[in-house]
Amino acid sequence: MAKEKIINIRVETDLKKRAKKLAERDGRSLSNWILRLIQKEIKKEAKRDKVNPPKKM
């Protein structure tokens, strides 16, 4: 997948440390781990939309 944009976010030090540990446990970089979380949520939303499509106005 081509990487097109950079997203900068600020998080508390402890939150970053904990997320990094989870990413390492999963064998991923923190960046890749966060990307997978975003993708997972988008897929969940897409499935939800198929079950309950938005009402047309």
PDB file of N, CA and C in Angstrom:
ATOM      1  N   MET A   1       0.848  -1.171   0.000  1.00  0.00           N
ATOM      2  CA  MET A   1       0.000   0.000   0.000  1.00  0.00           C
ATOM      3  C   MET A   1       0.896   1.238   0.000  1.00  0.00           C
ATOM      4  N   ALA A   2       0.598   2.147  -0.905  1.00  0.00           N
ATOM      5  CA  ALA A   2       1.367   3.388  -0.990  1.00  0.00           C
ATOM      6  C   ALA A   2       1.037   4.277   0.197  1.00  0.00           C
ATOM      7  N   LYS A   3       2.053   4.850   0.759  1.00  0.00           N
ATOM      8  CA  LYS A   3       1.856   5.758   1.886  1.00  0.00           C
ATOM      9  C   LYS A   3       1.819   7.172   1.325  1.00  0.00           C
ATOM     10  N   GLU A   4       0.701   7.846   1.543  1.00  0.00           N
ATOM     11  CA  GLU A   4       0.494   9.139   0.908  1.00  0.00           C
ATOM     12  C   GLU A   4       0.581  10.316   1.857  1.00  0.00           C
ATOM     13  N   LYS A   5       0.070  10.165   3.050  1.00  0.00           N
ATOM     14  CA  LYS A   5      -0.020  11.312   3.960  1.00  0.00           C
ATOM     15  C   LYS A   5       0.514  10.945   5.329  1.00  0.00           C
ATOM     16  N   ILE A   6       0.914  11.940   6.052  1.00  0.00           N
ATOM     17  CA  ILE A   6       1.383  11.776   7.421  1.00  0.00           C
ATOM     18  C   ILE A   6       0.358  12.416   8.339  1.00  0.00           C
ATOM     19  N   ILE A   7       0.031  11.727   9.428  1.00  0.00           N
ATOM     20  CA  ILE A   7      -0.858  12.265  10.442  1.00  0.00           C
ATOM     21  C   ILE A   7      -0.051  12.388  11.729  1.00  0.00           C
ATOM     22  N   ASN A   8       0.055  13.573  12.250  1.00  0.00           N
ATOM     23  CA  ASN A   8       0.749  13.794  13.517  1.00  0.00           C
ATOM     24  C   ASN A   8      -0.291  13.889  14.619  1.00  0.00           C
ATOM     25  N   ILE A   9      -0.077  13.140  15.688  1.00  0.00           N
ATOM     26  CA  ILE A   9      -0.970  13.229  16.839  1.00  0.00           C
ATOM     27  C   ILE A   9      -0.124  13.343  18.108  1.00  0.00           C
ATOM     28  N   ARG A  10      -0.706  13.926  19.116  1.00  0.00           N
ATOM     29  CA  ARG A  10      -0.024  14.034  20.408  1.00  0.00           C
ATOM     30  C   ARG A  10      -0.755  13.125  21.383  1.00  0.00           C
ATOM     31  N   VAL A  11       0.025  12.326  22.099  1.00  0.00           N
ATOM     32  CA  VAL A  11      -0.541  11.435  23.104  1.00  0.00           C
ATOM     33  C   VAL A  11       0.306  11.524  24.369  1.00  0.00           C
ATOM     34  N   GLU A  12      -0.290  11.168  25.471  1.00  0.00           N
ATOM     35  CA  GLU A  12       0.441  11.150  26.723  1.00  0.00           C
ATOM     36  C   GLU A  12       1.538  10.092  26.655  1.00  0.00           C
ATOM     37  N   THR A  13       2.631  10.337  27.344  1.00  0.00           N
ATOM     38  CA  THR A  13       3.781   9.440  27.327  1.00  0.00           C
ATOM     39  C   THR A  13       3.397   8.022  27.717  1.00  0.00           C
ATOM     40  N   ASP A  14       2.621   7.868  28.788  1.00  0.00           N
ATOM     41  CA  ASP A  14       2.233   6.537  29.236  1.00  0.00           C
ATOM     42  C   ASP A  14       1.396   5.806  28.191  1.00  0.00           C
ATOM     43  N   LEU A  15       0.486   6.524  27.549  1.00  0.00           N
ATOM     44  CA  LEU A  15      -0.352   5.922  26.512  1.00  0.00           C
ATOM     45  C   LEU A  15       0.506   5.413  25.353  1.00  0.00           C
ATOM     46  N   LYS A  16       1.475   6.206  24.949  1.00  0.00           N
ATOM     47  CA  LYS A  16       2.365   5.801  23.861  1.00  0.00           C
ATOM     48  C   LYS A  16       3.171   4.566  24.258  1.00  0.00           C
ATOM     49  N   LYS A  17       3.696   4.541  25.467  1.00  0.00           N
ATOM     50  CA  LYS A  17       4.479   3.395  25.932  1.00  0.00           C
ATOM     51  C   LYS A  17       3.642   2.126  25.932  1.00  0.00           C
ATOM     52  N   ARG A  18       2.416   2.241  26.418  1.00  0.00           N
ATOM     53  CA  ARG A  18       1.530   1.070  26.478  1.00  0.00           C
ATOM     54  C   ARG A  18       1.148   0.591  25.091  1.00  0.00           C
ATOM     55  N   ALA A  19       0.870   1.527  24.191  1.00  0.00           N
ATOM     56  CA  ALA A  19       0.526   1.160  22.815  1.00  0.00           C
ATOM     57  C   ALA A  19       1.721   0.508  22.120  1.00  0.00           C
ATOM     58  N   LYS A  20       2.903   1.043  22.363  1.00  0.00           N
ATOM     59  CA  LYS A  20       4.110   0.478  21.749  1.00  0.00           C
ATOM     60  C   LYS A  20       4.347  -0.954  22.215  1.00  0.00           C
ATOM     61  N   LYS A  21       4.101  -1.224  23.492  1.00  0.00           N
ATOM     62  CA  LYS A  21       4.240  -2.586  24.004  1.00  0.00           C
ATOM     63  C   LYS A  21       3.267  -3.531  23.313  1.00  0.00           C
ATOM     64  N   LEU A  22       2.040  -3.085  23.134  1.00  0.00           N
ATOM     65  CA  LEU A  22       1.045  -3.915  22.440  1.00  0.00           C
ATOM     66  C   LEU A  22       1.454  -4.154  20.990  1.00  0.00           C
ATOM     67  N   ALA A  23       1.962  -3.122  20.344  1.00  0.00           N
ATOM     68  CA  ALA A  23       2.410  -3.256  18.952  1.00  0.00           C
ATOM     69  C   ALA A  23       3.557  -4.259  18.854  1.00  0.00           C
ATOM     70  N   GLU A  24       4.515  -4.144  19.764  1.00  0.00           N
ATOM     71  CA  GLU A  24       5.655  -5.057  19.759  1.00  0.00           C
ATOM     72  C   GLU A  24       5.210  -6.491  20.020  1.00  0.00           C
ATOM     73  N   ARG A  25       4.270  -6.657  20.915  1.00  0.00           N
ATOM     74  CA  ARG A  25       3.729  -7.980  21.214  1.00  0.00           C
ATOM     75  C   ARG A  25       3.074  -8.590  19.977  1.00  0.00           C
ATOM     76  N   ASP A  26       2.526  -7.719  19.121  1.00  0.00           N
ATOM     77  CA  ASP A  26       1.872  -8.148  17.883  1.00  0.00           C
ATOM     78  C   ASP A  26       2.874  -8.246  16.727  1.00  0.00           C
ATOM     79  N   GLY A  27       4.143  -7.931  16.995  1.00  0.00           N
ATOM     80  CA  GLY A  27       5.172  -8.003  15.961  1.00  0.00           C
ATOM     81  C   GLY A  27       5.095  -6.876  14.943  1.00  0.00           C
ATOM     82  N   ARG A  28       4.591  -5.735  15.377  1.00  0.00           N
ATOM     83  CA  ARG A  28       4.405  -4.596  14.472  1.00  0.00           C
ATOM     84  C   ARG A  28       5.087  -3.347  15.024  1.00  0.00           C
ATOM     85  N   SER A  29       5.317  -2.403  14.114  1.00  0.00           N
ATOM     86  CA  SER A  29       5.751  -1.082  14.560  1.00  0.00           C
ATOM     87  C   SER A  29       4.526  -0.375  15.127  1.00  0.00           C
ATOM     88  N   LEU A  30       4.755   0.641  15.920  1.00  0.00           N
ATOM     89  CA  LEU A  30       3.631   1.391  16.479  1.00  0.00           C
ATOM     90  C   LEU A  30       2.786   1.999  15.360  1.00  0.00           C
ATOM     91  N   SER A  31       3.443   2.543  14.349  1.00  0.00           N
ATOM     92  CA  SER A  31       2.734   3.149  13.218  1.00  0.00           C
ATOM     93  C   SER A  31       1.843   2.122  12.511  1.00  0.00           C
ATOM     94  N   ASN A  32       2.384   0.950  12.249  1.00  0.00           N
ATOM     95  CA  ASN A  32       1.617  -0.091  11.570  1.00  0.00           C
ATOM     96  C   ASN A  32       0.473  -0.587  12.446  1.00  0.00           C
ATOM     97  N   TRP A  33       0.718  -0.696  13.737  1.00  0.00           N
ATOM     98  CA  TRP A  33      -0.310  -1.152  14.663  1.00  0.00           C
ATOM     99  C   TRP A  33      -1.489  -0.170  14.694  1.00  0.00           C
ATOM    100  N   ILE A  34      -1.181   1.123  14.740  1.00  0.00           N
ATOM    101  CA  ILE A  34      -2.231   2.148  14.730  1.00  0.00           C
ATOM    102  C   ILE A  34      -2.997   2.109  13.407  1.00  0.00           C
ATOM    103  N   LEU A  35      -2.284   1.954  12.305  1.00  0.00           N
ATOM    104  CA  LEU A  35      -2.931   1.869  10.996  1.00  0.00           C
ATOM    105  C   LEU A  35      -3.908   0.695  10.953  1.00  0.00           C
ATOM    106  N   ARG A  36      -3.507  -0.450  11.494  1.00  0.00           N
ATOM    107  CA  ARG A  36      -4.392  -1.615  11.526  1.00  0.00           C
ATOM    108  C   ARG A  36      -5.635  -1.350  12.369  1.00  0.00           C
ATOM    109  N   LEU A  37      -5.486  -0.625  13.469  1.00  0.00           N
ATOM    110  CA  LEU A  37      -6.653  -0.277  14.284  1.00  0.00           C
ATOM    111  C   LEU A  37      -7.636   0.585  13.487  1.00  0.00           C
ATOM    112  N   ILE A  38      -7.108   1.545  12.755  1.00  0.00           N
ATOM    113  CA  ILE A  38      -7.955   2.412  11.930  1.00  0.00           C
ATOM    114  C   ILE A  38      -8.679   1.587  10.866  1.00  0.00           C
ATOM    115  N   GLN A  39      -7.945   0.720  10.188  1.00  0.00           N
ATOM    116  CA  GLN A  39      -8.542  -0.135   9.156  1.00  0.00           C
ATOM    117  C   GLN A  39      -9.634  -1.027   9.732  1.00  0.00           C
ATOM    118  N   LYS A  40      -9.393  -1.577  10.907  1.00  0.00           N
ATOM    119  CA  LYS A  40     -10.362  -2.449  11.566  1.00  0.00           C
ATOM    120  C   LYS A  40     -11.662  -1.697  11.856  1.00  0.00           C
ATOM    121  N   GLU A  41     -11.549  -0.470  12.350  1.00  0.00           N
ATOM    122  CA  GLU A  41     -12.740   0.327  12.651  1.00  0.00           C
ATOM    123  C   GLU A  41     -13.500   0.707  11.385  1.00  0.00           C
ATOM    124  N   ILE A  42     -12.782   1.003  10.310  1.00  0.00           N
ATOM    125  CA  ILE A  42     -13.433   1.341   9.045  1.00  0.00           C
ATOM    126  C   ILE A  42     -14.197   0.136   8.503  1.00  0.00           C
ATOM    127  N   LYS A  43     -13.614  -1.060   8.609  1.00  0.00           N
ATOM    128  CA  LYS A  43     -14.300  -2.277   8.157  1.00  0.00           C
ATOM    129  C   LYS A  43     -15.550  -2.537   8.991  1.00  0.00           C
ATOM    130  N   LYS A  44     -15.454  -2.325  10.309  1.00  0.00           N
ATOM    131  CA  LYS A  44     -16.626  -2.508  11.165  1.00  0.00           C
ATOM    132  C   LYS A  44     -17.742  -1.547  10.764  1.00  0.00           C
ATOM    133  N   GLU A  45     -17.389  -0.317  10.483  1.00  0.00           N
ATOM    134  CA  GLU A  45     -18.383   0.683  10.082  1.00  0.00           C
ATOM    135  C   GLU A  45     -19.015   0.309   8.747  1.00  0.00           C
ATOM    136  N   ALA A  46     -18.206  -0.190   7.817  1.00  0.00           N
ATOM    137  CA  ALA A  46     -18.730  -0.593   6.508  1.00  0.00           C
ATOM    138  C   ALA A  46     -19.732  -1.736   6.656  1.00  0.00           C
ATOM    139  N   LYS A  47     -19.424  -2.697   7.525  1.00  0.00           N
ATOM    140  CA  LYS A  47     -20.356  -3.811   7.766  1.00  0.00           C
ATOM    141  C   LYS A  47     -21.641  -3.303   8.392  1.00  0.00           C
ATOM    142  N   ARG A  48     -21.520  -2.383   9.322  1.00  0.00           N
ATOM    143  CA  ARG A  48     -22.690  -1.799   9.979  1.00  0.00           C
ATOM    144  C   ARG A  48     -23.564  -1.064   8.962  1.00  0.00           C
ATOM    145  N   ASP A  49     -22.928  -0.353   8.035  1.00  0.00           N
ATOM    146  CA  ASP A  49     -23.676   0.385   7.014  1.00  0.00           C
ATOM    147  C   ASP A  49     -24.435  -0.553   6.092  1.00  0.00           C
ATOM    148  N   LYS A  50     -23.871  -1.734   5.831  1.00  0.00           N
ATOM    149  CA  LYS A  50     -24.563  -2.706   4.975  1.00  0.00           C
ATOM    150  C   LYS A  50     -25.800  -3.253   5.666  1.00  0.00           C
ATOM    151  N   VAL A  51     -25.713  -3.443   6.980  1.00  0.00           N
ATOM    152  CA  VAL A  51     -26.848  -3.950   7.747  1.00  0.00           C
ATOM    153  C   VAL A  51     -27.871  -2.845   7.943  1.00  0.00           C
ATOM    154  N   ASN A  52     -27.410  -1.652   8.265  1.00  0.00           N
ATOM    155  CA  ASN A  52     -28.276  -0.501   8.507  1.00  0.00           C
ATOM    156  C   ASN A  52     -27.827   0.660   7.624  1.00  0.00           C
ATOM    157  N   PRO A  53     -28.133   0.595   6.328  1.00  0.00           N
ATOM    158  CA  PRO A  53     -27.672   1.685   5.451  1.00  0.00           C
ATOM    159  C   PRO A  53     -28.246   3.032   5.884  1.00  0.00           C
ATOM    160  N   PRO A  54     -27.492   4.102   5.668  1.00  0.00           N
ATOM    161  CA  PRO A  54     -27.995   5.423   6.039  1.00  0.00           C
ATOM    162  C   PRO A  54     -29.280   5.742   5.294  1.00  0.00           C
ATOM    163  N   LYS A  55     -30.187   6.428   5.974  1.00  0.00           N
ATOM    164  CA  LYS A  55     -31.444   6.818   5.338  1.00  0.00           C
ATOM    165  C   LYS A  55     -31.186   7.961   4.381  1.00  0.00           C
ATOM    166  N   LYS A  56     -31.814   7.887   3.206  1.00  0.00           N
ATOM    167  CA  LYS A  56     -31.668   8.966   2.221  1.00  0.00           C
ATOM    168  C   LYS A  56     -32.534  10.135   2.626  1.00  0.00           C
ATOM    169  N   MET A  57     -32.032  11.319   2.377  1.00  0.00           N
ATOM    170  CA  MET A  57     -32.764  12.530   2.752  1.00  0.00           C
ATOM    171  C   MET A  57     -33.604  13.013   1.603  1.00  0.00           C
TER     172      MET A  57
END
